[in-house]
Amino acid sequence: MTQLLPLLEAIPKIKGSVGAPLSKPTLVLGDRGYDSDPHRAELTKRGIRSLLARRRTPNGTHLGMLRWVVEQTIGLLHQFRRLRTRFDKRADVHETFMSLGCSIICWRRLYGVIGHF
């Protein structure tokens, strides 16, 4: 819950068409752990729509369908011991191994699809 705003600050500018690069998301999805009025107010102040599940409400937002993709990706990254438990003190080293892990996961997915032809 404390990392929502630092996460938004860490988003790099997205290059695309000519003009000012996009530097913020248009929508933020979050589970009940991010439910707080200060977070909602800060997102609104930044011009970002928020779809954060509220605590003590029945489940009907269907956020779980979108969250499953994130949970699956984290599960795939945890198959690498070095990413399951962070031993690296330097953020750049950890980020490098995260990129390597993501590359291996993508390669395995593509090889699995291409290998069947």
PDB file of N, CA and C in Angstrom:
ATOM      1  N   MET A   1       0.812  -1.182   0.000  1.00  0.00           N
ATOM      2  CA  MET A   1       0.000   0.000   0.000  1.00  0.00           C
ATOM      3  C   MET A   1       0.865   1.260   0.000  1.00  0.00           C
ATOM      4  N   THR A   2       2.043   1.181   0.578  1.00  0.00           N
ATOM      5  CA  THR A   2       2.919   2.351   0.637  1.00  0.00           C
ATOM      6  C   THR A   2       3.678   2.562  -0.663  1.00  0.00           C
ATOM      7  N   GLN A   3       3.641   1.597  -1.566  1.00  0.00           N
ATOM      8  CA  GLN A   3       4.456   1.682  -2.777  1.00  0.00           C
ATOM      9  C   GLN A   3       3.690   2.140  -4.010  1.00  0.00           C
ATOM     10  N   LEU A   4       2.419   2.500  -3.868  1.00  0.00           N
ATOM     11  CA  LEU A   4       1.643   2.901  -5.038  1.00  0.00           C
ATOM     12  C   LEU A   4       2.198   4.172  -5.682  1.00  0.00           C
ATOM     13  N   LEU A   5       2.413   5.189  -4.898  1.00  0.00           N
ATOM     14  CA  LEU A   5       2.896   6.456  -5.459  1.00  0.00           C
ATOM     15  C   LEU A   5       4.341   6.367  -5.952  1.00  0.00           C
ATOM     16  N   PRO A   6       5.269   5.705  -5.227  1.00  0.00           N
ATOM     17  CA  PRO A   6       6.610   5.533  -5.810  1.00  0.00           C
ATOM     18  C   PRO A   6       6.595   4.723  -7.109  1.00  0.00           C
ATOM     19  N   LEU A   7       5.669   3.767  -7.215  1.00  0.00           N
ATOM     20  CA  LEU A   7       5.549   2.991  -8.447  1.00  0.00           C
ATOM     21  C   LEU A   7       5.117   3.889  -9.603  1.00  0.00           C
ATOM     22  N   LEU A   8       4.175   4.774  -9.354  1.00  0.00           N
ATOM     23  CA  LEU A   8       3.744   5.708 -10.395  1.00  0.00           C
ATOM     24  C   LEU A   8       4.871   6.648 -10.808  1.00  0.00           C
ATOM     25  N   GLU A   9       5.684   7.064  -9.840  1.00  0.00           N
ATOM     26  CA  GLU A   9       6.813   7.958 -10.140  1.00  0.00           C
ATOM     27  C   GLU A   9       7.868   7.253 -10.993  1.00  0.00           C
ATOM     28  N   ALA A  10       7.973   5.922 -10.863  1.00  0.00           N
ATOM     29  CA  ALA A  10       9.028   5.171 -11.556  1.00  0.00           C
ATOM     30  C   ALA A  10       8.659   4.806 -12.990  1.00  0.00           C
ATOM     31  N   ILE A  11       7.439   5.096 -13.423  1.00  0.00           N
ATOM     32  CA  ILE A  11       7.027   4.744 -14.780  1.00  0.00           C
ATOM     33  C   ILE A  11       7.789   5.622 -15.769  1.00  0.00           C
ATOM     34  N   PRO A  12       8.521   5.007 -16.702  1.00  0.00           N
ATOM     35  CA  PRO A  12       9.268   5.822 -17.680  1.00  0.00           C
ATOM     36  C   PRO A  12       8.322   6.407 -18.724  1.00  0.00           C
ATOM     37  N   LYS A  13       8.783   7.430 -19.416  1.00  0.00           N
ATOM     38  CA  LYS A  13       7.990   8.035 -20.481  1.00  0.00           C
ATOM     39  C   LYS A  13       7.854   7.043 -21.632  1.00  0.00           C
ATOM     40  N   ILE A  14       6.660   6.987 -22.199  1.00  0.00           N
ATOM     41  CA  ILE A  14       6.363   6.049 -23.271  1.00  0.00           C
ATOM     42  C   ILE A  14       6.455   6.791 -24.594  1.00  0.00           C
ATOM     43  N   LYS A  15       7.372   6.355 -25.459  1.00  0.00           N
ATOM     44  CA  LYS A  15       7.544   6.990 -26.755  1.00  0.00           C
ATOM     45  C   LYS A  15       6.464   6.491 -27.702  1.00  0.00           C
ATOM     46  N   GLY A  16       6.061   7.327 -28.594  1.00  0.00           N
ATOM     47  CA  GLY A  16       5.034   6.950 -29.554  1.00  0.00           C
ATOM     48  C   GLY A  16       4.958   7.967 -30.661  1.00  0.00           C
ATOM     49  N   SER A  17       3.766   8.464 -30.898  1.00  0.00           N
ATOM     50  CA  SER A  17       3.584   9.436 -31.965  1.00  0.00           C
ATOM     51  C   SER A  17       4.228  10.770 -31.585  1.00  0.00           C
ATOM     52  N   VAL A  18       4.326  11.636 -32.565  1.00  0.00           N
ATOM     53  CA  VAL A  18       4.966  12.930 -32.369  1.00  0.00           C
ATOM     54  C   VAL A  18       4.187  13.732 -31.325  1.00  0.00           C
ATOM     55  N   GLY A  19       4.925  14.392 -30.446  1.00  0.00           N
ATOM     56  CA  GLY A  19       4.303  15.185 -29.400  1.00  0.00           C
ATOM     57  C   GLY A  19       4.893  14.827 -28.058  1.00  0.00           C
ATOM     58  N   ALA A  20       4.228  15.228 -27.019  1.00  0.00           N
ATOM     59  CA  ALA A  20       4.706  14.938 -25.669  1.00  0.00           C
ATOM     60  C   ALA A  20       4.532  13.451 -25.372  1.00  0.00           C
ATOM     61  N   PRO A  21       5.579  12.778 -24.887  1.00  0.00           N
ATOM     62  CA  PRO A  21       5.451  11.360 -24.578  1.00  0.00           C
ATOM     63  C   PRO A  21       4.533  11.145 -23.375  1.00  0.00           C
ATOM     64  N   LEU A  22       3.799  10.057 -23.406  1.00  0.00           N
ATOM     65  CA  LEU A  22       2.909   9.693 -22.314  1.00  0.00           C
ATOM     66  C   LEU A  22       3.748   9.324 -21.099  1.00  0.00           C
ATOM     67  N   SER A  23       3.486   9.960 -19.968  1.00  0.00           N
ATOM     68  CA  SER A  23       4.303   9.691 -18.786  1.00  0.00           C
ATOM     69  C   SER A  23       3.495   9.180 -17.611  1.00  0.00           C
ATOM     70  N   LYS A  24       2.208   8.944 -17.827  1.00  0.00           N
ATOM     71  CA  LYS A  24       1.392   8.422 -16.734  1.00  0.00           C
ATOM     72  C   LYS A  24       0.323   7.506 -17.314  1.00  0.00           C
ATOM     73  N   PRO A  25      -0.122   6.544 -16.522  1.00  0.00           N
ATOM     74  CA  PRO A  25      -1.190   5.675 -17.007  1.00  0.00           C
ATOM     75  C   PRO A  25      -2.523   6.417 -16.997  1.00  0.00           C
ATOM     76  N   THR A  26      -3.467   5.941 -17.775  1.00  0.00           N
ATOM     77  CA  THR A  26      -4.791   6.546 -17.774  1.00  0.00           C
ATOM     78  C   THR A  26      -5.699   5.912 -16.732  1.00  0.00           C
ATOM     79  N   LEU A  27      -5.375   4.666 -16.328  1.00  0.00           N
ATOM     80  CA  LEU A  27      -6.196   3.935 -15.377  1.00  0.00           C
ATOM     81  C   LEU A  27      -5.306   3.076 -14.489  1.00  0.00           C
ATOM     82  N   VAL A  28      -5.616   3.026 -13.200  1.00  0.00           N
ATOM     83  CA  VAL A  28      -4.896   2.167 -12.256  1.00  0.00           C
ATOM     84  C   VAL A  28      -5.890   1.185 -11.662  1.00  0.00           C
ATOM     85  N   LEU A  29      -5.587  -0.111 -11.779  1.00  0.00           N
ATOM     86  CA  LEU A  29      -6.391  -1.161 -11.165  1.00  0.00           C
ATOM     87  C   LEU A  29      -5.701  -1.617  -9.898  1.00  0.00           C
ATOM     88  N   GLY A  30      -6.476  -1.920  -8.861  1.00  0.00           N
ATOM     89  CA  GLY A  30      -5.860  -2.381  -7.622  1.00  0.00           C
ATOM     90  C   GLY A  30      -6.822  -3.183  -6.775  1.00  0.00           C
ATOM     91  N   ASP A  31      -6.280  -4.059  -5.957  1.00  0.00           N
ATOM     92  CA  ASP A  31      -7.118  -4.856  -5.069  1.00  0.00           C
ATOM     93  C   ASP A  31      -7.419  -4.088  -3.789  1.00  0.00           C
ATOM     94  N   ARG A  32      -8.011  -4.761  -2.828  1.00  0.00           N
ATOM     95  CA  ARG A  32      -8.434  -4.111  -1.586  1.00  0.00           C
ATOM     96  C   ARG A  32      -7.271  -3.580  -0.755  1.00  0.00           C
ATOM     97  N   GLY A  33      -6.079  -4.054  -1.003  1.00  0.00           N
ATOM     98  CA  GLY A  33      -4.918  -3.572  -0.270  1.00  0.00           C
ATOM     99  C   GLY A  33      -4.590  -2.113  -0.564  1.00  0.00           C
ATOM    100  N   TYR A  34      -5.053  -1.611  -1.700  1.00  0.00           N
ATOM    101  CA  TYR A  34      -4.780  -0.225  -2.089  1.00  0.00           C
ATOM    102  C   TYR A  34      -5.947   0.701  -1.771  1.00  0.00           C
ATOM    103  N   ASP A  35      -6.972   0.192  -1.113  1.00  0.00           N
ATOM    104  CA  ASP A  35      -8.155   0.982  -0.807  1.00  0.00           C
ATOM    105  C   ASP A  35      -7.845   2.028   0.261  1.00  0.00           C
ATOM    106  N   SER A  36      -7.723   3.273  -0.160  1.00  0.00           N
ATOM    107  CA  SER A  36      -7.583   4.379   0.781  1.00  0.00           C
ATOM    108  C   SER A  36      -7.975   5.656   0.064  1.00  0.00           C
ATOM    109  N   ASP A  37      -8.655   6.521   0.784  1.00  0.00           N
ATOM    110  CA  ASP A  37      -9.091   7.787   0.199  1.00  0.00           C
ATOM    111  C   ASP A  37      -7.917   8.682  -0.202  1.00  0.00           C
ATOM    112  N   PRO A  38      -6.803   8.720   0.568  1.00  0.00           N
ATOM    113  CA  PRO A  38      -5.663   9.527   0.106  1.00  0.00           C
ATOM    114  C   PRO A  38      -5.095   9.056  -1.235  1.00  0.00           C
ATOM    115  N   HIS A  39      -5.051   7.731  -1.464  1.00  0.00           N
ATOM    116  CA  HIS A  39      -4.577   7.231  -2.759  1.00  0.00           C
ATOM    117  C   HIS A  39      -5.521   7.657  -3.873  1.00  0.00           C
ATOM    118  N   ARG A  40      -6.817   7.509  -3.633  1.00  0.00           N
ATOM    119  CA  ARG A  40      -7.793   7.898  -4.650  1.00  0.00           C
ATOM    120  C   ARG A  40      -7.671   9.396  -4.970  1.00  0.00           C
ATOM    121  N   ALA A  41      -7.523  10.205  -3.918  1.00  0.00           N
ATOM    122  CA  ALA A  41      -7.417  11.658  -4.114  1.00  0.00           C
ATOM    123  C   ALA A  41      -6.157  12.017  -4.903  1.00  0.00           C
ATOM    124  N   GLU A  42      -5.040  11.364  -4.575  1.00  0.00           N
ATOM    125  CA  GLU A  42      -3.782  11.655  -5.279  1.00  0.00           C
ATOM    126  C   GLU A  42      -3.863  11.240  -6.744  1.00  0.00           C
ATOM    127  N   LEU A  43      -4.478  10.095  -7.014  1.00  0.00           N
ATOM    128  CA  LEU A  43      -4.631   9.653  -8.402  1.00  0.00           C
ATOM    129  C   LEU A  43      -5.529  10.621  -9.177  1.00  0.00           C
ATOM    130  N   THR A  44      -6.608  11.062  -8.553  1.00  0.00           N
ATOM    131  CA  THR A  44      -7.508  12.016  -9.200  1.00  0.00           C
ATOM    132  C   THR A  44      -6.791  13.335  -9.472  1.00  0.00           C
ATOM    133  N   LYS A  45      -5.970  13.778  -8.509  1.00  0.00           N
ATOM    134  CA  LYS A  45      -5.220  15.022  -8.679  1.00  0.00           C
ATOM    135  C   LYS A  45      -4.256  14.932  -9.857  1.00  0.00           C
ATOM    136  N   ARG A  46      -3.722  13.734 -10.092  1.00  0.00           N
ATOM    137  CA  ARG A  46      -2.781  13.530 -11.208  1.00  0.00           C
ATOM    138  C   ARG A  46      -3.496  13.258 -12.525  1.00  0.00           C
ATOM    139  N   GLY A  47      -4.828  13.206 -12.505  1.00  0.00           N
ATOM    140  CA  GLY A  47      -5.580  12.961 -13.727  1.00  0.00           C
ATOM    141  C   GLY A  47      -5.624  11.498 -14.119  1.00  0.00           C
ATOM    142  N   ILE A  48      -5.522  10.606 -13.143  1.00  0.00           N
ATOM    143  CA  ILE A  48      -5.518   9.168 -13.391  1.00  0.00           C
ATOM    144  C   ILE A  48      -6.793   8.577 -12.808  1.00  0.00           C
ATOM    145  N   ARG A  49      -7.548   7.854 -13.627  1.00  0.00           N
ATOM    146  CA  ARG A  49      -8.736   7.155 -13.124  1.00  0.00           C
ATOM    147  C   ARG A  49      -8.294   5.972 -12.282  1.00  0.00           C
ATOM    148  N   SER A  50      -9.050   5.692 -11.231  1.00  0.00           N
ATOM    149  CA  SER A  50      -8.685   4.561 -10.378  1.00  0.00           C
ATOM    150  C   SER A  50      -9.850   3.585 -10.280  1.00  0.00           C
ATOM    151  N   LEU A  51      -9.532   2.327 -10.371  1.00  0.00           N
ATOM    152  CA  LEU A  51     -10.489   1.253 -10.165  1.00  0.00           C
ATOM    153  C   LEU A  51      -9.910   0.384  -9.060  1.00  0.00           C
ATOM    154  N   LEU A  52     -10.048   0.859  -7.835  1.00  0.00           N
ATOM    155  CA  LEU A  52      -9.521   0.175  -6.660  1.00  0.00           C
ATOM    156  C   LEU A  52     -10.683  -0.465  -5.915  1.00  0.00           C
ATOM    157  N   ALA A  53     -10.572  -1.751  -5.630  1.00  0.00           N
ATOM    158  CA  ALA A  53     -11.627  -2.445  -4.905  1.00  0.00           C
ATOM    159  C   ALA A  53     -11.730  -1.884  -3.489  1.00  0.00           C
ATOM    160  N   ARG A  54     -12.942  -1.783  -2.998  1.00  0.00           N
ATOM    161  CA  ARG A  54     -13.162  -1.260  -1.647  1.00  0.00           C
ATOM    162  C   ARG A  54     -13.220  -2.403  -0.653  1.00  0.00           C
ATOM    163  N   ARG A  55     -12.681  -2.138   0.527  1.00  0.00           N
ATOM    164  CA  ARG A  55     -12.721  -3.142   1.596  1.00  0.00           C
ATOM    165  C   ARG A  55     -14.150  -3.309   2.090  1.00  0.00           C
ATOM    166  N   ARG A  56     -14.411  -4.486   2.625  1.00  0.00           N
ATOM    167  CA  ARG A  56     -15.697  -4.837   3.217  1.00  0.00           C
ATOM    168  C   ARG A  56     -16.867  -4.620   2.254  1.00  0.00           C
ATOM    169  N   THR A  57     -16.648  -4.915   0.988  1.00  0.00           N
ATOM    170  CA  THR A  57     -17.718  -4.896  -0.002  1.00  0.00           C
ATOM    171  C   THR A  57     -17.732  -6.252  -0.692  1.00  0.00           C
ATOM    172  N   PRO A  58     -18.882  -6.687  -1.175  1.00  0.00           N
ATOM    173  CA  PRO A  58     -18.916  -7.981  -1.864  1.00  0.00           C
ATOM    174  C   PRO A  58     -18.098  -7.933  -3.146  1.00  0.00           C
ATOM    175  N   ASN A  59     -17.559  -9.075  -3.512  1.00  0.00           N
ATOM    176  CA  ASN A  59     -16.743  -9.161  -4.715  1.00  0.00           C
ATOM    177  C   ASN A  59     -17.658  -9.126  -5.930  1.00  0.00           C
ATOM    178  N   GLY A  60     -17.562  -8.095  -6.693  1.00  0.00           N
ATOM    179  CA  GLY A  60     -18.371  -7.981  -7.895  1.00  0.00           C
ATOM    180  C   GLY A  60     -17.710  -7.098  -8.931  1.00  0.00           C
ATOM    181  N   THR A  61     -16.483  -6.676  -8.659  1.00  0.00           N
ATOM    182  CA  THR A  61     -15.796  -5.776  -9.583  1.00  0.00           C
ATOM    183  C   THR A  61     -15.106  -6.526 -10.710  1.00  0.00           C
ATOM    184  N   HIS A  62     -14.930  -7.821 -10.571  1.00  0.00           N
ATOM    185  CA  HIS A  62     -14.244  -8.660 -11.563  1.00  0.00           C
ATOM    186  C   HIS A  62     -12.801  -8.236 -11.785  1.00  0.00           C
ATOM    187  N   LEU A  63     -12.178  -7.603 -10.793  1.00  0.00           N
ATOM    188  CA  LEU A  63     -10.765  -7.256 -10.895  1.00  0.00           C
ATOM    189  C   LEU A  63      -9.899  -8.503 -10.910  1.00  0.00           C
ATOM    190  N   GLY A  64     -10.396  -9.586 -10.328  1.00  0.00           N
ATOM    191  CA  GLY A  64      -9.618 -10.822 -10.278  1.00  0.00           C
ATOM    192  C   GLY A  64      -9.281 -11.368 -11.645  1.00  0.00           C
ATOM    193  N   MET A  65     -10.158 -11.127 -12.631  1.00  0.00           N
ATOM    194  CA  MET A  65      -9.888 -11.620 -13.980  1.00  0.00           C
ATOM    195  C   MET A  65      -8.661 -10.933 -14.560  1.00  0.00           C
ATOM    196  N   LEU A  66      -8.479  -9.666 -14.271  1.00  0.00           N
ATOM    197  CA  LEU A  66      -7.314  -8.944 -14.765  1.00  0.00           C
ATOM    198  C   LEU A  66      -6.100  -9.197 -13.888  1.00  0.00           C
ATOM    199  N   ARG A  67      -6.325  -9.385 -12.613  1.00  0.00           N
ATOM    200  CA  ARG A  67      -5.231  -9.597 -11.682  1.00  0.00           C
ATOM    201  C   ARG A  67      -4.560 -10.947 -11.918  1.00  0.00           C
ATOM    202  N   TRP A  68      -5.289 -11.923 -12.451  1.00  0.00           N
ATOM    203  CA  TRP A  68      -4.747 -13.247 -12.651  1.00  0.00           C
ATOM    204  C   TRP A  68      -3.513 -13.199 -13.552  1.00  0.00           C
ATOM    205  N   VAL A  69      -3.500 -12.330 -14.546  1.00  0.00           N
ATOM    206  CA  VAL A  69      -2.356 -12.218 -15.452  1.00  0.00           C
ATOM    207  C   VAL A  69      -1.113 -11.795 -14.670  1.00  0.00           C
ATOM    208  N   VAL A  70      -1.278 -10.841 -13.761  1.00  0.00           N
ATOM    209  CA  VAL A  70      -0.156 -10.366 -12.957  1.00  0.00           C
ATOM    210  C   VAL A  70       0.317 -11.469 -12.016  1.00  0.00           C
ATOM    211  N   GLU A  71      -0.613 -12.149 -11.357  1.00  0.00           N
ATOM    212  CA  GLU A  71      -0.251 -13.217 -10.435  1.00  0.00           C
ATOM    213  C   GLU A  71       0.469 -14.354 -11.164  1.00  0.00           C
ATOM    214  N   GLN A  72       0.028 -14.671 -12.369  1.00  0.00           N
ATOM    215  CA  GLN A  72       0.679 -15.721 -13.145  1.00  0.00           C
ATOM    216  C   GLN A  72       2.109 -15.316 -13.508  1.00  0.00           C
ATOM    217  N   THR A  73       2.297 -14.067 -13.890  1.00  0.00           N
ATOM    218  CA  THR A  73       3.622 -13.587 -14.256  1.00  0.00           C
ATOM    219  C   THR A  73       4.560 -13.622 -13.054  1.00  0.00           C
ATOM    220  N   ILE A  74       4.074 -13.199 -11.900  1.00  0.00           N
ATOM    221  CA  ILE A  74       4.895 -13.250 -10.687  1.00  0.00           C
ATOM    222  C   ILE A  74       5.244 -14.699 -10.365  1.00  0.00           C
ATOM    223  N   GLY A  75       4.281 -15.599 -10.531  1.00  0.00           N
ATOM    224  CA  GLY A  75       4.551 -17.016 -10.305  1.00  0.00           C
ATOM    225  C   GLY A  75       5.613 -17.552 -11.252  1.00  0.00           C
ATOM    226  N   LEU A  76       5.571 -17.129 -12.512  1.00  0.00           N
ATOM    227  CA  LEU A  76       6.580 -17.563 -13.473  1.00  0.00           C
ATOM    228  C   LEU A  76       7.957 -17.012 -13.113  1.00  0.00           C
ATOM    229  N   LEU A  77       8.008 -15.772 -12.637  1.00  0.00           N
ATOM    230  CA  LEU A  77       9.296 -15.200 -12.243  1.00  0.00           C
ATOM    231  C   LEU A  77       9.857 -15.892 -10.995  1.00  0.00           C
ATOM    232  N   HIS A  78       8.981 -16.409 -10.146  1.00  0.00           N
ATOM    233  CA  HIS A  78       9.443 -17.071  -8.930  1.00  0.00           C
ATOM    234  C   HIS A  78      10.061 -18.441  -9.203  1.00  0.00           C
ATOM    235  N   GLN A  79       9.997 -18.922 -10.434  1.00  0.00           N
ATOM    236  CA  GLN A  79      10.676 -20.175 -10.743  1.00  0.00           C
ATOM    237  C   GLN A  79      12.199 -19.995 -10.786  1.00  0.00           C
ATOM    238  N   PHE A  80      12.632 -18.741 -10.833  1.00  0.00           N
ATOM    239  CA  PHE A  80      14.055 -18.432 -10.788  1.00  0.00           C
ATOM    240  C   PHE A  80      14.430 -18.093  -9.348  1.00  0.00           C
ATOM    241  N   ARG A  81      15.309 -18.889  -8.769  1.00  0.00           N
ATOM    242  CA  ARG A  81      15.654 -18.742  -7.351  1.00  0.00           C
ATOM    243  C   ARG A  81      16.133 -17.344  -7.007  1.00  0.00           C
ATOM    244  N   ARG A  82      16.904 -16.765  -7.878  1.00  0.00           N
ATOM    245  CA  ARG A  82      17.476 -15.449  -7.599  1.00  0.00           C
ATOM    246  C   ARG A  82      16.408 -14.359  -7.561  1.00  0.00           C
ATOM    247  N   LEU A  83      15.277 -14.593  -8.210  1.00  0.00           N
ATOM    248  CA  LEU A  83      14.189 -13.623  -8.200  1.00  0.00           C
ATOM    249  C   LEU A  83      13.162 -13.925  -7.119  1.00  0.00           C
ATOM    250  N   ARG A  84      13.107 -15.183  -6.682  1.00  0.00           N
ATOM    251  CA  ARG A  84      12.160 -15.554  -5.630  1.00  0.00           C
ATOM    252  C   ARG A  84      12.522 -14.881  -4.321  1.00  0.00           C
ATOM    253  N   THR A  85      13.785 -14.898  -3.981  1.00  0.00           N
ATOM    254  CA  THR A  85      14.294 -14.216  -2.792  1.00  0.00           C
ATOM    255  C   THR A  85      15.365 -13.256  -3.268  1.00  0.00           C
ATOM    256  N   ARG A  86      15.173 -11.992  -3.005  1.00  0.00           N
ATOM    257  CA  ARG A  86      16.113 -10.986  -3.512  1.00  0.00           C
ATOM    258  C   ARG A  86      17.354 -10.944  -2.625  1.00  0.00           C
ATOM    259  N   PHE A  87      18.481 -11.335  -3.209  1.00  0.00           N
ATOM    260  CA  PHE A  87      19.758 -11.294  -2.509  1.00  0.00           C
ATOM    261  C   PHE A  87      20.583 -10.081  -2.928  1.00  0.00           C
ATOM    262  N   ASP A  88      20.237  -9.479  -4.049  1.00  0.00           N
ATOM    263  CA  ASP A  88      21.015  -8.368  -4.590  1.00  0.00           C
ATOM    264  C   ASP A  88      20.673  -7.078  -3.856  1.00  0.00           C
ATOM    265  N   LYS A  89      21.701  -6.369  -3.420  1.00  0.00           N
ATOM    266  CA  LYS A  89      21.491  -5.091  -2.749  1.00  0.00           C
ATOM    267  C   LYS A  89      21.313  -3.959  -3.761  1.00  0.00           C
ATOM    268  N   ARG A  90      21.940  -4.101  -4.921  1.00  0.00           N
ATOM    269  CA  ARG A  90      21.867  -3.055  -5.938  1.00  0.00           C
ATOM    270  C   ARG A  90      20.636  -3.259  -6.817  1.00  0.00           C
ATOM    271  N   ALA A  91      19.882  -2.183  -7.000  1.00  0.00           N
ATOM    272  CA  ALA A  91      18.650  -2.256  -7.781  1.00  0.00           C
ATOM    273  C   ALA A  91      18.933  -2.569  -9.251  1.00  0.00           C
ATOM    274  N   ASP A  92      20.041  -2.056  -9.796  1.00  0.00           N
ATOM    275  CA  ASP A  92      20.334  -2.298 -11.208  1.00  0.00           C
ATOM    276  C   ASP A  92      20.629  -3.771 -11.482  1.00  0.00           C
ATOM    277  N   VAL A  93      21.279  -4.439 -10.540  1.00  0.00           N
ATOM    278  CA  VAL A  93      21.559  -5.868 -10.709  1.00  0.00           C
ATOM    279  C   VAL A  93      20.255  -6.662 -10.661  1.00  0.00           C
ATOM    280  N   HIS A  94      19.394  -6.321  -9.700  1.00  0.00           N
ATOM    281  CA  HIS A  94      18.112  -7.018  -9.587  1.00  0.00           C
ATOM    282  C   HIS A  94      17.257  -6.781 -10.832  1.00  0.00           C
ATOM    283  N   GLU A  95      17.251  -5.558 -11.332  1.00  0.00           N
ATOM    284  CA  GLU A  95      16.471  -5.245 -12.522  1.00  0.00           C
ATOM    285  C   GLU A  95      17.003  -5.993 -13.740  1.00  0.00           C
ATOM    286  N   THR A  96      18.310  -6.163 -13.808  1.00  0.00           N
ATOM    287  CA  THR A  96      18.905  -6.918 -14.911  1.00  0.00           C
ATOM    288  C   THR A  96      18.446  -8.371 -14.882  1.00  0.00           C
ATOM    289  N   PHE A  97      18.442  -8.977 -13.705  1.00  0.00           N
ATOM    290  CA  PHE A  97      17.985 -10.364 -13.607  1.00  0.00           C
ATOM    291  C   PHE A  97      16.480 -10.480 -13.846  1.00  0.00           C
ATOM    292  N   MET A  98      15.717  -9.435 -13.485  1.00  0.00           N
ATOM    293  CA  MET A  98      14.283  -9.436 -13.806  1.00  0.00           C
ATOM    294  C   MET A  98      14.093  -9.414 -15.318  1.00  0.00           C
ATOM    295  N   SER A  99      14.860  -8.584 -16.017  1.00  0.00           N
ATOM    296  CA  SER A  99      14.767  -8.519 -17.475  1.00  0.00           C
ATOM    297  C   SER A  99      15.174  -9.844 -18.104  1.00  0.00           C
ATOM    298  N   LEU A 100      16.214 -10.445 -17.579  1.00  0.00           N
ATOM    299  CA  LEU A 100      16.652 -11.747 -18.089  1.00  0.00           C
ATOM    300  C   LEU A 100      15.575 -12.806 -17.860  1.00  0.00           C
ATOM    301  N   GLY A 101      14.975 -12.800 -16.678  1.00  0.00           N
ATOM    302  CA  GLY A 101      13.900 -13.749 -16.379  1.00  0.00           C
ATOM    303  C   GLY A 101      12.713 -13.557 -17.312  1.00  0.00           C
ATOM    304  N   CYS A 102      12.332 -12.311 -17.551  1.00  0.00           N
ATOM    305  CA  CYS A 102      11.219 -12.032 -18.472  1.00  0.00           C
ATOM    306  C   CYS A 102      11.554 -12.484 -19.885  1.00  0.00           C
ATOM    307  N   SER A 103      12.793 -12.283 -20.291  1.00  0.00           N
ATOM    308  CA  SER A 103      13.219 -12.721 -21.629  1.00  0.00           C
ATOM    309  C   SER A 103      13.144 -14.239 -21.755  1.00  0.00           C
ATOM    310  N   ILE A 104      13.574 -14.943 -20.742  1.00  0.00           N
ATOM    311  CA  ILE A 104      13.528 -16.415 -20.771  1.00  0.00           C
ATOM    312  C   ILE A 104      12.084 -16.894 -20.823  1.00  0.00           C
ATOM    313  N   ILE A 105      11.206 -16.266 -20.039  1.00  0.00           N
ATOM    314  CA  ILE A 105       9.786 -16.648 -20.048  1.00  0.00           C
ATOM    315  C   ILE A 105       9.189 -16.425 -21.428  1.00  0.00           C
ATOM    316  N   CYS A 106       9.466 -15.267 -22.039  1.00  0.00           N
ATOM    317  CA  CYS A 106       8.955 -14.980 -23.390  1.00  0.00           C
ATOM    318  C   CYS A 106       9.514 -15.966 -24.404  1.00  0.00           C
ATOM    319  N   TRP A 107      10.791 -16.265 -24.304  1.00  0.00           N
ATOM    320  CA  TRP A 107      11.407 -17.216 -25.240  1.00  0.00           C
ATOM    321  C   TRP A 107      10.756 -18.590 -25.111  1.00  0.00           C
ATOM    322  N   ARG A 108      10.523 -19.027 -23.886  1.00  0.00           N
ATOM    323  CA  ARG A 108       9.877 -20.334 -23.685  1.00  0.00           C
ATOM    324  C   ARG A 108       8.474 -20.350 -24.260  1.00  0.00           C
ATOM    325  N   ARG A 109       7.733 -19.255 -24.089  1.00  0.00           N
ATOM    326  CA  ARG A 109       6.373 -19.182 -24.637  1.00  0.00           C
ATOM    327  C   ARG A 109       6.409 -19.202 -26.160  1.00  0.00           C
ATOM    328  N   LEU A 110       7.303 -18.406 -26.750  1.00  0.00           N
ATOM    329  CA  LEU A 110       7.389 -18.380 -28.207  1.00  0.00           C
ATOM    330  C   LEU A 110       7.893 -19.698 -28.773  1.00  0.00           C
ATOM    331  N   TYR A 111       8.876 -20.305 -28.111  1.00  0.00           N
ATOM    332  CA  TYR A 111       9.406 -21.575 -28.591  1.00  0.00           C
ATOM    333  C   TYR A 111       8.330 -22.653 -28.507  1.00  0.00           C
ATOM    334  N   GLY A 112       7.513 -22.597 -27.466  1.00  0.00           N
ATOM    335  CA  GLY A 112       6.434 -23.569 -27.321  1.00  0.00           C
ATOM    336  C   GLY A 112       5.406 -23.447 -28.441  1.00  0.00           C
ATOM    337  N   VAL A 113       5.124 -22.211 -28.865  1.00  0.00           N
ATOM    338  CA  VAL A 113       4.171 -21.994 -29.941  1.00  0.00           C
ATOM    339  C   VAL A 113       4.791 -22.357 -31.278  1.00  0.00           C
ATOM    340  N   ILE A 114       6.013 -21.899 -31.514  1.00  0.00           N
ATOM    341  CA  ILE A 114       6.665 -22.156 -32.790  1.00  0.00           C
ATOM    342  C   ILE A 114       7.036 -23.628 -32.921  1.00  0.00           C
ATOM    343  N   GLY A 115       7.370 -24.272 -31.803  1.00  0.00           N
ATOM    344  CA  GLY A 115       7.792 -25.668 -31.842  1.00  0.00           C
ATOM    345  C   GLY A 115       6.702 -26.617 -32.274  1.00  0.00           C
ATOM    346  N   HIS A 116       5.440 -26.204 -32.230  1.00  0.00           N
ATOM    347  CA  HIS A 116       4.338 -27.091 -32.602  1.00  0.00           C
ATOM    348  C   HIS A 116       4.019 -27.058 -34.097  1.00  0.00           C
ATOM    349  N   PHE A 117       4.691 -26.191 -34.862  1.00  0.00           N
ATOM    350  CA  PHE A 117       4.410 -26.105 -36.297  1.00  0.00           C
ATOM    351  C   PHE A 117       5.258 -27.035 -37.077  1.00  0.00           C
TER     352      PHE A 117
END
